[in-house]
């Protein structure tokens, strides 16, 4: 049984930092691209960042470029999202996801991610 468990969310002031972690089990972690998505209250879920199977390629939505960093440790089956210079508009539930994706063109496509975590709340106060 595949499980993705996010942690690290919380309440932070604008300009602050948080580091989200996603622990994966029940799958061959290094076979999967990993992504972070978020859903703000009343809005659709959106792509935030993704990382290739080896970790050699990363992708970000424009609004987080230069502030967020995605990384992975295939030995520990974990993927991290370091979030700096947080803004109130970053407030959302953040989800990690795993997908058999092999082309950078498709990393933002939610329907290509087969497995999802339960989400962790990030709240940024102004």
N, C-alpha and C. Protein backbone atom coordinates (compact mmCIF):
# COMPACT_ATOMS: atom_id res chain seq x y z
N UNK A 1 0.84 -1.19 0.00
CA UNK A 1 0.00 0.00 0.00
C UNK A 1 0.88 1.24 0.00
N UNK A 2 0.66 2.09 -0.99
CA UNK A 2 1.44 3.30 -1.10
C UNK A 2 0.93 4.35 -0.12
N UNK A 3 1.86 4.97 0.57
CA UNK A 3 1.51 6.06 1.48
C UNK A 3 2.46 7.22 1.26
N UNK A 4 1.89 8.41 1.20
CA UNK A 4 2.65 9.65 1.18
C UNK A 4 2.17 10.47 2.37
N UNK A 5 3.09 10.83 3.24
CA UNK A 5 2.72 11.54 4.46
C UNK A 5 3.49 12.85 4.54
N UNK A 6 2.73 13.95 4.46
CA UNK A 6 3.34 15.28 4.54
C UNK A 6 3.44 15.73 6.00
N UNK A 7 4.43 16.57 6.24
CA UNK A 7 4.58 17.18 7.56
C UNK A 7 5.29 18.51 7.39
N UNK A 8 5.27 19.31 8.45
CA UNK A 8 6.02 20.55 8.43
C UNK A 8 5.20 21.81 8.22
N UNK A 9 3.92 21.65 7.99
CA UNK A 9 3.08 22.83 7.83
C UNK A 9 2.88 23.56 9.14
N UNK A 10 2.29 24.74 9.05
CA UNK A 10 2.03 25.50 10.26
C UNK A 10 1.70 26.93 9.94
N UNK A 11 1.76 27.75 10.99
CA UNK A 11 1.48 29.18 10.88
C UNK A 11 2.79 29.95 10.94
N UNK A 12 2.96 30.86 10.00
CA UNK A 12 4.19 31.65 9.94
C UNK A 12 3.85 33.06 9.49
N UNK A 13 4.64 34.01 9.92
CA UNK A 13 4.43 35.39 9.47
C UNK A 13 4.99 35.59 8.07
N UNK A 14 4.44 36.55 7.38
CA UNK A 14 4.94 36.89 6.06
C UNK A 14 6.44 37.18 6.13
N UNK A 15 7.17 36.66 5.15
CA UNK A 15 8.61 36.79 5.13
C UNK A 15 9.34 35.63 5.79
N UNK A 16 8.61 34.80 6.48
CA UNK A 16 9.19 33.67 7.17
C UNK A 16 9.40 32.47 6.28
N UNK A 17 9.83 31.38 6.90
CA UNK A 17 10.16 30.16 6.16
C UNK A 17 9.52 28.94 6.81
N UNK A 18 9.25 27.96 5.98
CA UNK A 18 8.81 26.64 6.43
C UNK A 18 9.46 25.60 5.53
N UNK A 19 9.64 24.41 6.07
CA UNK A 19 10.11 23.31 5.26
C UNK A 19 9.13 22.16 5.36
N UNK A 20 8.54 21.81 4.23
CA UNK A 20 7.62 20.69 4.18
C UNK A 20 8.38 19.42 3.82
N UNK A 21 7.96 18.33 4.41
CA UNK A 21 8.56 17.04 4.14
C UNK A 21 7.47 16.06 3.73
N UNK A 22 7.81 15.16 2.84
CA UNK A 22 6.88 14.11 2.42
C UNK A 22 7.62 12.79 2.48
N UNK A 23 7.13 11.89 3.31
CA UNK A 23 7.72 10.57 3.46
C UNK A 23 6.91 9.56 2.67
N UNK A 24 7.57 8.83 1.81
CA UNK A 24 6.89 7.86 0.94
C UNK A 24 7.20 6.43 1.37
N UNK A 25 6.22 5.57 1.24
CA UNK A 25 6.40 4.15 1.51
C UNK A 25 5.50 3.34 0.59
N UNK A 26 5.88 2.07 0.39
CA UNK A 26 5.06 1.18 -0.41
C UNK A 26 5.27 1.31 -1.90
N UNK A 27 6.30 2.04 -2.31
CA UNK A 27 6.61 2.17 -3.74
C UNK A 27 8.12 2.27 -3.90
N UNK A 28 8.58 2.00 -5.13
CA UNK A 28 9.99 2.19 -5.43
C UNK A 28 10.19 3.67 -5.70
N UNK A 29 10.60 4.37 -4.68
CA UNK A 29 10.57 5.83 -4.68
C UNK A 29 11.34 6.41 -5.86
N UNK A 30 12.48 5.85 -6.17
CA UNK A 30 13.32 6.42 -7.22
C UNK A 30 12.73 6.23 -8.62
N UNK A 31 11.67 5.47 -8.74
CA UNK A 31 10.99 5.30 -10.03
C UNK A 31 10.02 6.45 -10.33
N UNK A 32 9.72 7.25 -9.31
CA UNK A 32 8.65 8.23 -9.41
C UNK A 32 9.16 9.66 -9.38
N UNK A 33 8.64 10.48 -10.30
CA UNK A 33 8.75 11.91 -10.14
C UNK A 33 7.87 12.33 -8.97
N UNK A 34 8.28 13.38 -8.29
CA UNK A 34 7.53 13.86 -7.13
C UNK A 34 7.13 15.31 -7.34
N UNK A 35 5.93 15.61 -6.91
CA UNK A 35 5.44 16.97 -7.07
C UNK A 35 4.81 17.50 -5.80
N UNK A 36 4.77 18.82 -5.69
CA UNK A 36 4.03 19.50 -4.65
C UNK A 36 2.93 20.33 -5.32
N UNK A 37 1.76 20.23 -4.78
CA UNK A 37 0.62 21.01 -5.24
C UNK A 37 0.00 21.71 -4.03
N UNK A 38 -0.82 22.70 -4.27
CA UNK A 38 -1.49 23.38 -3.17
C UNK A 38 -2.90 23.77 -3.58
N UNK A 39 -3.74 23.87 -2.55
CA UNK A 39 -5.12 24.29 -2.77
C UNK A 39 -5.51 25.28 -1.70
N UNK A 40 -5.77 26.49 -2.13
CA UNK A 40 -6.25 27.53 -1.21
C UNK A 40 -7.77 27.41 -1.07
N UNK A 41 -8.28 27.93 0.01
CA UNK A 41 -9.71 27.86 0.28
C UNK A 41 -10.49 28.48 -0.86
N UNK A 42 -11.41 27.72 -1.42
CA UNK A 42 -12.26 28.23 -2.48
C UNK A 42 -11.63 28.25 -3.85
N UNK A 43 -10.43 27.71 -3.96
CA UNK A 43 -9.74 27.71 -5.26
C UNK A 43 -9.40 26.28 -5.68
N UNK A 44 -9.07 26.14 -6.94
CA UNK A 44 -8.67 24.84 -7.45
C UNK A 44 -7.24 24.52 -7.02
N UNK A 45 -6.96 23.24 -6.96
CA UNK A 45 -5.61 22.81 -6.64
C UNK A 45 -4.68 23.19 -7.79
N UNK A 46 -3.47 23.65 -7.44
CA UNK A 46 -2.54 24.10 -8.46
C UNK A 46 -1.15 23.51 -8.22
N UNK A 47 -0.41 23.45 -9.30
CA UNK A 47 0.97 22.96 -9.27
C UNK A 47 1.87 23.98 -8.58
N UNK A 48 2.81 23.46 -7.78
CA UNK A 48 3.78 24.32 -7.12
C UNK A 48 5.19 23.99 -7.62
N UNK A 49 5.60 22.73 -7.49
CA UNK A 49 6.96 22.35 -7.85
C UNK A 49 7.00 20.86 -8.10
N UNK A 50 8.02 20.43 -8.88
CA UNK A 50 8.21 19.01 -9.14
C UNK A 50 9.70 18.74 -9.31
N UNK A 51 10.03 17.47 -9.10
CA UNK A 51 11.42 17.05 -9.22
C UNK A 51 11.46 15.70 -9.93
N UNK A 52 12.44 15.54 -10.80
CA UNK A 52 12.56 14.31 -11.56
C UNK A 52 13.00 13.16 -10.66
N UNK A 53 12.98 11.97 -11.23
CA UNK A 53 13.28 10.77 -10.45
C UNK A 53 14.65 10.81 -9.81
N UNK A 54 15.61 11.31 -10.54
CA UNK A 54 16.99 11.37 -10.01
C UNK A 54 17.24 12.59 -9.17
N UNK A 55 16.36 13.56 -9.29
CA UNK A 55 16.57 14.85 -8.62
C UNK A 55 17.35 15.83 -9.46
N UNK A 56 17.70 15.43 -10.67
CA UNK A 56 18.53 16.29 -11.50
C UNK A 56 17.79 17.44 -12.16
N UNK A 57 16.47 17.34 -12.22
CA UNK A 57 15.67 18.40 -12.83
C UNK A 57 14.56 18.83 -11.89
N UNK A 58 14.36 20.13 -11.82
CA UNK A 58 13.30 20.67 -10.97
C UNK A 58 12.47 21.67 -11.77
N UNK A 59 11.24 21.83 -11.35
CA UNK A 59 10.29 22.68 -12.05
C UNK A 59 9.45 23.43 -11.01
N UNK A 60 9.15 24.69 -11.32
CA UNK A 60 8.41 25.52 -10.39
C UNK A 60 7.37 26.34 -11.12
N UNK A 61 6.27 26.60 -10.45
CA UNK A 61 5.36 27.58 -10.98
C UNK A 61 5.98 28.96 -10.79
N UNK A 62 5.62 29.89 -11.66
CA UNK A 62 6.30 31.18 -11.67
C UNK A 62 6.21 31.90 -10.33
N UNK A 63 5.10 31.78 -9.64
CA UNK A 63 4.90 32.56 -8.42
C UNK A 63 5.81 32.15 -7.26
N UNK A 64 6.45 31.00 -7.36
CA UNK A 64 7.32 30.56 -6.26
C UNK A 64 8.79 30.49 -6.66
N UNK A 65 9.09 30.74 -7.91
CA UNK A 65 10.48 30.68 -8.36
C UNK A 65 11.33 31.68 -7.57
N UNK A 66 12.49 31.19 -7.12
CA UNK A 66 13.38 32.03 -6.35
C UNK A 66 13.07 32.04 -4.86
N UNK A 67 11.91 31.49 -4.47
CA UNK A 67 11.54 31.46 -3.06
C UNK A 67 11.45 30.02 -2.53
N UNK A 68 11.00 29.11 -3.36
CA UNK A 68 10.82 27.71 -2.95
C UNK A 68 11.88 26.85 -3.62
N UNK A 69 12.29 25.79 -2.91
CA UNK A 69 13.24 24.83 -3.44
C UNK A 69 12.75 23.42 -3.14
N UNK A 70 12.63 22.62 -4.19
CA UNK A 70 12.26 21.22 -4.02
C UNK A 70 13.51 20.36 -4.09
N UNK A 71 13.56 19.33 -3.25
CA UNK A 71 14.69 18.41 -3.27
C UNK A 71 14.18 17.03 -2.85
N UNK A 72 15.01 16.04 -3.07
CA UNK A 72 14.61 14.69 -2.69
C UNK A 72 15.83 13.90 -2.23
N UNK A 73 15.57 12.91 -1.40
CA UNK A 73 16.60 11.99 -0.93
C UNK A 73 16.08 10.59 -1.23
N UNK A 74 16.57 9.98 -2.28
CA UNK A 74 16.07 8.67 -2.68
C UNK A 74 16.46 7.57 -1.69
N UNK A 75 17.50 7.79 -0.92
CA UNK A 75 17.89 6.81 0.09
C UNK A 75 16.93 6.81 1.28
N UNK A 76 16.30 7.97 1.51
CA UNK A 76 15.38 8.09 2.64
C UNK A 76 13.92 8.15 2.21
N UNK A 77 13.68 8.03 0.91
CA UNK A 77 12.30 8.09 0.39
C UNK A 77 11.56 9.34 0.83
N UNK A 78 12.24 10.47 0.75
CA UNK A 78 11.61 11.71 1.15
C UNK A 78 11.79 12.79 0.08
N UNK A 79 10.84 13.68 0.05
CA UNK A 79 10.92 14.87 -0.80
C UNK A 79 10.63 16.07 0.09
N UNK A 80 11.39 17.12 -0.11
CA UNK A 80 11.27 18.32 0.71
C UNK A 80 10.85 19.51 -0.14
N UNK A 81 10.19 20.44 0.50
CA UNK A 81 9.89 21.72 -0.13
C UNK A 81 10.29 22.81 0.86
N UNK A 82 11.39 23.46 0.58
CA UNK A 82 11.85 24.58 1.39
C UNK A 82 11.17 25.84 0.88
N UNK A 83 10.44 26.51 1.77
CA UNK A 83 9.69 27.69 1.38
C UNK A 83 10.21 28.89 2.14
N UNK A 84 10.76 29.84 1.42
CA UNK A 84 11.30 31.06 2.01
C UNK A 84 10.50 32.26 1.54
N UNK A 85 10.67 33.36 2.23
CA UNK A 85 10.00 34.62 1.87
C UNK A 85 8.51 34.39 1.63
N UNK A 86 7.91 33.72 2.55
CA UNK A 86 6.50 33.36 2.39
C UNK A 86 5.59 34.59 2.37
N UNK A 87 4.54 34.48 1.58
CA UNK A 87 3.57 35.55 1.42
C UNK A 87 2.19 35.04 1.84
N UNK A 88 1.30 35.94 2.21
CA UNK A 88 -0.05 35.49 2.57
C UNK A 88 -0.73 34.68 1.46
N UNK A 89 -0.42 34.99 0.22
CA UNK A 89 -1.03 34.25 -0.89
C UNK A 89 -0.49 32.83 -1.03
N UNK A 90 0.52 32.47 -0.25
CA UNK A 90 0.99 31.09 -0.22
C UNK A 90 0.15 30.22 0.72
N UNK A 91 -0.76 30.83 1.43
CA UNK A 91 -1.62 30.08 2.35
C UNK A 91 -2.46 29.07 1.58
N UNK A 92 -2.37 27.81 2.00
CA UNK A 92 -3.07 26.74 1.30
C UNK A 92 -2.80 25.41 2.01
N UNK A 93 -3.52 24.40 1.60
CA UNK A 93 -3.15 23.03 1.96
C UNK A 93 -2.18 22.55 0.89
N UNK A 94 -1.04 22.04 1.33
CA UNK A 94 -0.01 21.57 0.42
C UNK A 94 -0.01 20.05 0.38
N UNK A 95 0.01 19.51 -0.84
CA UNK A 95 -0.02 18.08 -1.06
C UNK A 95 1.22 17.63 -1.81
N UNK A 96 1.78 16.50 -1.42
CA UNK A 96 2.80 15.89 -2.26
C UNK A 96 2.16 14.77 -3.07
N UNK A 97 2.77 14.48 -4.19
CA UNK A 97 2.22 13.49 -5.10
C UNK A 97 3.35 12.78 -5.83
N UNK A 98 3.08 11.55 -6.23
CA UNK A 98 4.06 10.73 -6.94
C UNK A 98 3.48 10.29 -8.27
N UNK A 99 4.29 10.38 -9.31
CA UNK A 99 3.81 9.98 -10.63
C UNK A 99 4.92 9.41 -11.50
N UNK A 100 4.52 8.51 -12.38
CA UNK A 100 5.47 7.94 -13.34
C UNK A 100 5.54 8.87 -14.53
N UNK A 101 6.28 9.94 -14.36
CA UNK A 101 6.38 10.99 -15.36
C UNK A 101 7.82 11.09 -15.80
N UNK A 102 8.03 11.11 -17.10
CA UNK A 102 9.39 11.04 -17.62
C UNK A 102 9.78 12.23 -18.48
N UNK A 103 8.85 13.15 -18.64
CA UNK A 103 9.13 14.33 -19.46
C UNK A 103 8.79 15.58 -18.69
N UNK A 104 9.68 16.56 -18.79
CA UNK A 104 9.45 17.82 -18.09
C UNK A 104 8.18 18.52 -18.51
N UNK A 105 7.71 18.22 -19.69
CA UNK A 105 6.49 18.85 -20.21
C UNK A 105 5.29 18.57 -19.33
N UNK A 106 5.30 17.45 -18.64
CA UNK A 106 4.09 16.96 -17.97
C UNK A 106 4.13 17.03 -16.45
N UNK A 107 5.17 17.58 -15.88
CA UNK A 107 5.29 17.54 -14.42
C UNK A 107 4.18 18.31 -13.71
N UNK A 108 3.59 19.27 -14.36
CA UNK A 108 2.54 20.05 -13.70
C UNK A 108 1.15 19.45 -13.88
N UNK A 109 1.05 18.34 -14.61
CA UNK A 109 -0.25 17.74 -14.91
C UNK A 109 -0.71 16.86 -13.75
N UNK A 110 -1.71 17.33 -13.03
CA UNK A 110 -2.16 16.62 -11.84
C UNK A 110 -2.65 15.22 -12.15
N UNK A 111 -3.28 15.04 -13.30
CA UNK A 111 -3.87 13.74 -13.62
C UNK A 111 -2.82 12.67 -13.87
N UNK A 112 -1.55 13.06 -13.98
CA UNK A 112 -0.49 12.07 -14.19
C UNK A 112 0.13 11.58 -12.89
N UNK A 113 -0.31 12.15 -11.79
CA UNK A 113 0.19 11.72 -10.48
C UNK A 113 -0.77 10.68 -9.91
N UNK A 114 -0.24 9.49 -9.66
CA UNK A 114 -1.08 8.38 -9.24
C UNK A 114 -1.35 8.36 -7.74
N UNK A 115 -0.41 8.90 -6.97
CA UNK A 115 -0.51 8.80 -5.51
C UNK A 115 -0.41 10.19 -4.90
N UNK A 116 -1.23 10.40 -3.85
CA UNK A 116 -1.31 11.71 -3.20
C UNK A 116 -1.29 11.54 -1.69
N UNK A 117 -0.69 12.51 -1.02
CA UNK A 117 -0.75 12.55 0.42
C UNK A 117 -2.04 13.21 0.89
N UNK A 118 -2.17 13.31 2.20
CA UNK A 118 -3.40 13.86 2.79
C UNK A 118 -3.35 15.37 2.92
N UNK A 119 -2.18 15.95 2.77
CA UNK A 119 -2.06 17.40 2.79
C UNK A 119 -1.63 17.94 4.15
N UNK A 120 -0.98 19.08 4.13
CA UNK A 120 -0.58 19.78 5.34
C UNK A 120 -0.89 21.27 5.16
N UNK A 121 -1.45 21.88 6.19
CA UNK A 121 -1.88 23.27 6.09
C UNK A 121 -0.70 24.22 6.30
N UNK A 122 -0.59 25.17 5.41
CA UNK A 122 0.37 26.27 5.56
C UNK A 122 -0.43 27.57 5.61
N UNK A 123 -0.24 28.32 6.67
CA UNK A 123 -0.92 29.59 6.82
C UNK A 123 0.11 30.69 7.03
N UNK A 124 0.06 31.71 6.18
CA UNK A 124 1.00 32.82 6.25
C UNK A 124 0.22 34.07 6.63
N UNK A 125 0.55 34.63 7.78
CA UNK A 125 -0.16 35.82 8.25
C UNK A 125 0.56 37.08 7.79
N UNK A 126 -0.23 38.11 7.57
CA UNK A 126 0.35 39.38 7.08
C UNK A 126 0.75 40.28 8.23
